[in-house]
């Protein structure tokens, strides 16, 4: 049996980015939180909108909607806080989502060599084929931003 034909039942969290849904493996989710104050810094990391403070951690906010759908999110309903591998450890990253999130169990079809690197697998749910995201490939540089000399203090926005 080829790799593409193998199935793997896993728990996933579905998230809405504009009109499309995407999924992340449930074990990679730390929590779902209401939108909170985003602190902006002068930094050189284009993938990061700013940071939020969550449970004593500085968590980068990364709007991946534009990379995945071609449009930035205009409304943020929640932040899906996910874990991302950084060397030997795990960092948190907050992904803005525009709609409800849902925990499901689904059979995953592994990504093919011809799929984009950010696609870890595919799942089918309610008649829709959904990409299961590989955050490490989607946001390889999304760590807490390095603050430049020009912007030592955060500017907050709602």
Protein backbone atom coordinates (compact mmCIF):
# COMPACT_ATOMS: atom_id res chain seq x y z
CA UNK A 1 0.00 0.00 0.00
CA UNK A 2 1.42 3.44 -0.89
CA UNK A 3 1.84 6.23 1.67
CA UNK A 4 -1.06 8.20 0.18
CA UNK A 5 -3.49 5.32 0.78
CA UNK A 6 -2.69 4.93 4.51
CA UNK A 7 -5.14 6.31 7.07
CA UNK A 8 -4.46 7.43 10.61
CA UNK A 9 -7.37 8.30 12.95
CA UNK A 10 -6.41 11.34 15.05
CA UNK A 11 -8.02 14.11 17.05
CA UNK A 12 -7.84 17.46 15.30
CA UNK A 13 -9.05 20.98 15.95
CA UNK A 14 -10.82 22.61 13.03
CA UNK A 15 -10.37 26.36 12.75
CA UNK A 16 -11.93 28.90 10.41
CA UNK A 17 -9.85 31.44 8.53
CA UNK A 18 -12.27 33.57 6.55
CA UNK A 19 -14.34 31.29 4.33
CA UNK A 20 -12.07 28.24 4.67
CA UNK A 21 -11.42 25.70 7.38
CA UNK A 22 -8.08 24.22 8.32
CA UNK A 23 -7.05 21.72 10.99
CA UNK A 24 -4.28 21.25 13.50
CA UNK A 25 -3.46 18.07 15.41
CA UNK A 26 -5.17 18.33 18.82
CA UNK A 27 -1.97 17.45 20.68
CA UNK A 28 -0.41 20.63 19.24
CA UNK A 29 -3.07 22.90 20.81
CA UNK A 30 -2.42 24.55 24.18
CA UNK A 31 -5.72 26.47 24.47
CA UNK A 32 -8.38 28.59 22.78
CA UNK A 33 -8.61 32.14 24.11
CA UNK A 34 -10.69 35.24 23.48
CA UNK A 35 -8.90 38.03 21.60
CA UNK A 36 -6.81 40.09 23.95
CA UNK A 37 -4.52 43.06 23.80
CA UNK A 38 -1.81 42.69 21.15
CA UNK A 39 1.50 44.37 21.86
CA UNK A 40 3.40 45.57 18.80
CA UNK A 41 7.16 45.93 18.77
CA UNK A 42 9.57 47.22 16.20
CA UNK A 43 10.88 43.90 14.91
CA UNK A 44 12.15 42.27 11.75
CA UNK A 45 9.91 39.21 11.65
CA UNK A 46 7.21 39.76 9.01
CA UNK A 47 5.17 36.70 10.05
CA UNK A 48 4.43 38.19 13.48
CA UNK A 49 1.67 40.76 14.10
CA UNK A 50 2.77 41.30 17.71
CA UNK A 51 2.61 39.38 20.96
CA UNK A 52 0.04 38.60 23.63
CA UNK A 53 0.75 37.81 27.25
CA UNK A 54 -0.69 34.45 28.28
CA UNK A 55 -0.08 32.46 31.47
CA UNK A 56 3.18 34.29 32.14
CA UNK A 57 4.43 33.76 28.59
CA UNK A 58 5.06 36.14 25.73
CA UNK A 59 3.25 34.49 22.82
CA UNK A 60 3.79 35.67 19.23
CA UNK A 61 0.59 36.32 17.23
CA UNK A 62 0.91 35.00 13.68
CA UNK A 63 -1.88 35.64 11.19
CA UNK A 64 -1.40 32.75 8.75
CA UNK A 65 -4.66 33.50 6.90
CA UNK A 66 -2.99 35.60 4.21
CA UNK A 67 -0.50 32.84 3.38
CA UNK A 68 -3.24 30.20 3.30
CA UNK A 69 -6.20 32.06 1.77
CA UNK A 70 -4.68 35.14 0.14
CA UNK A 71 -6.54 37.51 2.51
CA UNK A 72 -5.74 38.90 5.95
CA UNK A 73 -8.35 38.33 8.64
CA UNK A 74 -10.55 41.38 9.17
CA UNK A 75 -12.21 40.01 12.31
CA UNK A 76 -10.59 37.91 15.01
CA UNK A 77 -12.95 35.82 17.08
CA UNK A 78 -10.41 33.76 19.02
CA UNK A 79 -6.73 32.95 19.28
CA UNK A 80 -5.89 29.29 18.91
CA UNK A 81 -2.70 28.90 20.94
CA UNK A 82 -0.63 26.10 19.44
CA UNK A 83 2.75 24.60 20.23
CA UNK A 84 5.58 24.76 17.75
CA UNK A 85 8.88 22.91 17.93
CA UNK A 86 11.95 25.11 18.49
CA UNK A 87 15.10 23.04 18.66
CA UNK A 88 14.68 20.69 21.61
CA UNK A 89 11.79 22.65 23.14
CA UNK A 90 8.27 23.83 22.40
CA UNK A 91 7.13 27.43 21.99
CA UNK A 92 3.59 28.76 21.91
CA UNK A 93 2.17 30.68 18.96
CA UNK A 94 -1.25 32.39 18.82
CA UNK A 95 -3.16 31.96 15.57
CA UNK A 96 -6.06 34.37 15.04
CA UNK A 97 -9.20 32.57 13.85
CA UNK A 98 -12.36 34.13 12.47
CA UNK A 99 -14.95 31.57 13.56
CA UNK A 100 -15.75 28.69 15.85
CA UNK A 101 -13.23 25.94 16.50
CA UNK A 102 -14.27 22.30 16.73
CA UNK A 103 -12.57 19.19 18.13
CA UNK A 104 -13.09 16.16 15.89
CA UNK A 105 -11.63 12.70 15.35
CA UNK A 106 -10.98 11.92 11.70
CA UNK A 107 -9.02 9.58 9.48
CA UNK A 108 -6.02 11.45 8.10
CA UNK A 109 -4.55 10.87 4.67
CA UNK A 110 -0.85 11.77 4.67
CA UNK A 111 0.26 14.58 2.39
CA UNK A 112 1.76 13.61 -0.94
CA UNK A 113 5.15 14.78 -2.16
CA UNK A 114 3.36 17.14 -4.55
CA UNK A 115 1.47 18.93 -1.71
CA UNK A 116 2.69 22.21 -0.22
CA UNK A 117 5.18 21.78 2.65
CA UNK A 118 2.69 23.32 5.13
CA UNK A 119 0.24 20.43 4.52
CA UNK A 120 0.91 17.62 7.01
CA UNK A 121 -2.15 15.59 5.99
CA UNK A 122 -5.73 15.80 4.70
CA UNK A 123 -9.02 14.96 6.36
CA UNK A 124 -12.63 14.82 5.21
CA UNK A 125 -15.34 16.32 7.42
CA UNK A 126 -18.96 17.21 6.57
CA UNK A 127 -18.26 16.76 2.87
CA UNK A 128 -15.27 19.11 2.91
CA UNK A 129 -11.63 18.17 2.32
CA UNK A 130 -9.49 20.04 4.86
CA UNK A 131 -5.75 20.64 5.11
CA UNK A 132 -4.10 19.57 8.36
CA UNK A 133 -1.37 22.14 8.89
CA UNK A 134 2.30 21.62 9.68
CA UNK A 135 3.08 24.78 11.67
CA UNK A 136 6.81 24.15 11.57
CA UNK A 137 6.75 24.38 7.77
CA UNK A 138 4.15 27.17 7.64
CA UNK A 139 5.94 29.47 10.09
CA UNK A 140 9.60 28.44 10.28
CA UNK A 141 10.73 31.78 11.75
CA UNK A 142 7.83 32.60 14.07
CA UNK A 143 9.55 32.88 17.41
CA UNK A 144 9.20 35.73 19.89
CA UNK A 145 10.43 38.75 17.92
CA UNK A 146 13.78 40.32 18.54
CA UNK A 147 13.18 43.92 19.59
CA UNK A 148 15.19 46.47 17.65
CA UNK A 149 16.99 49.42 19.21
CA UNK A 150 14.29 51.78 17.89
CA UNK A 151 11.40 50.16 19.72
CA UNK A 152 12.34 49.21 23.25
CA UNK A 153 8.84 49.49 24.69
CA UNK A 154 5.65 47.90 23.40
CA UNK A 155 2.85 49.89 21.86
CA UNK A 156 -0.52 48.32 22.65
CA UNK A 157 -3.51 48.14 20.40
CA UNK A 158 -6.92 46.68 21.04
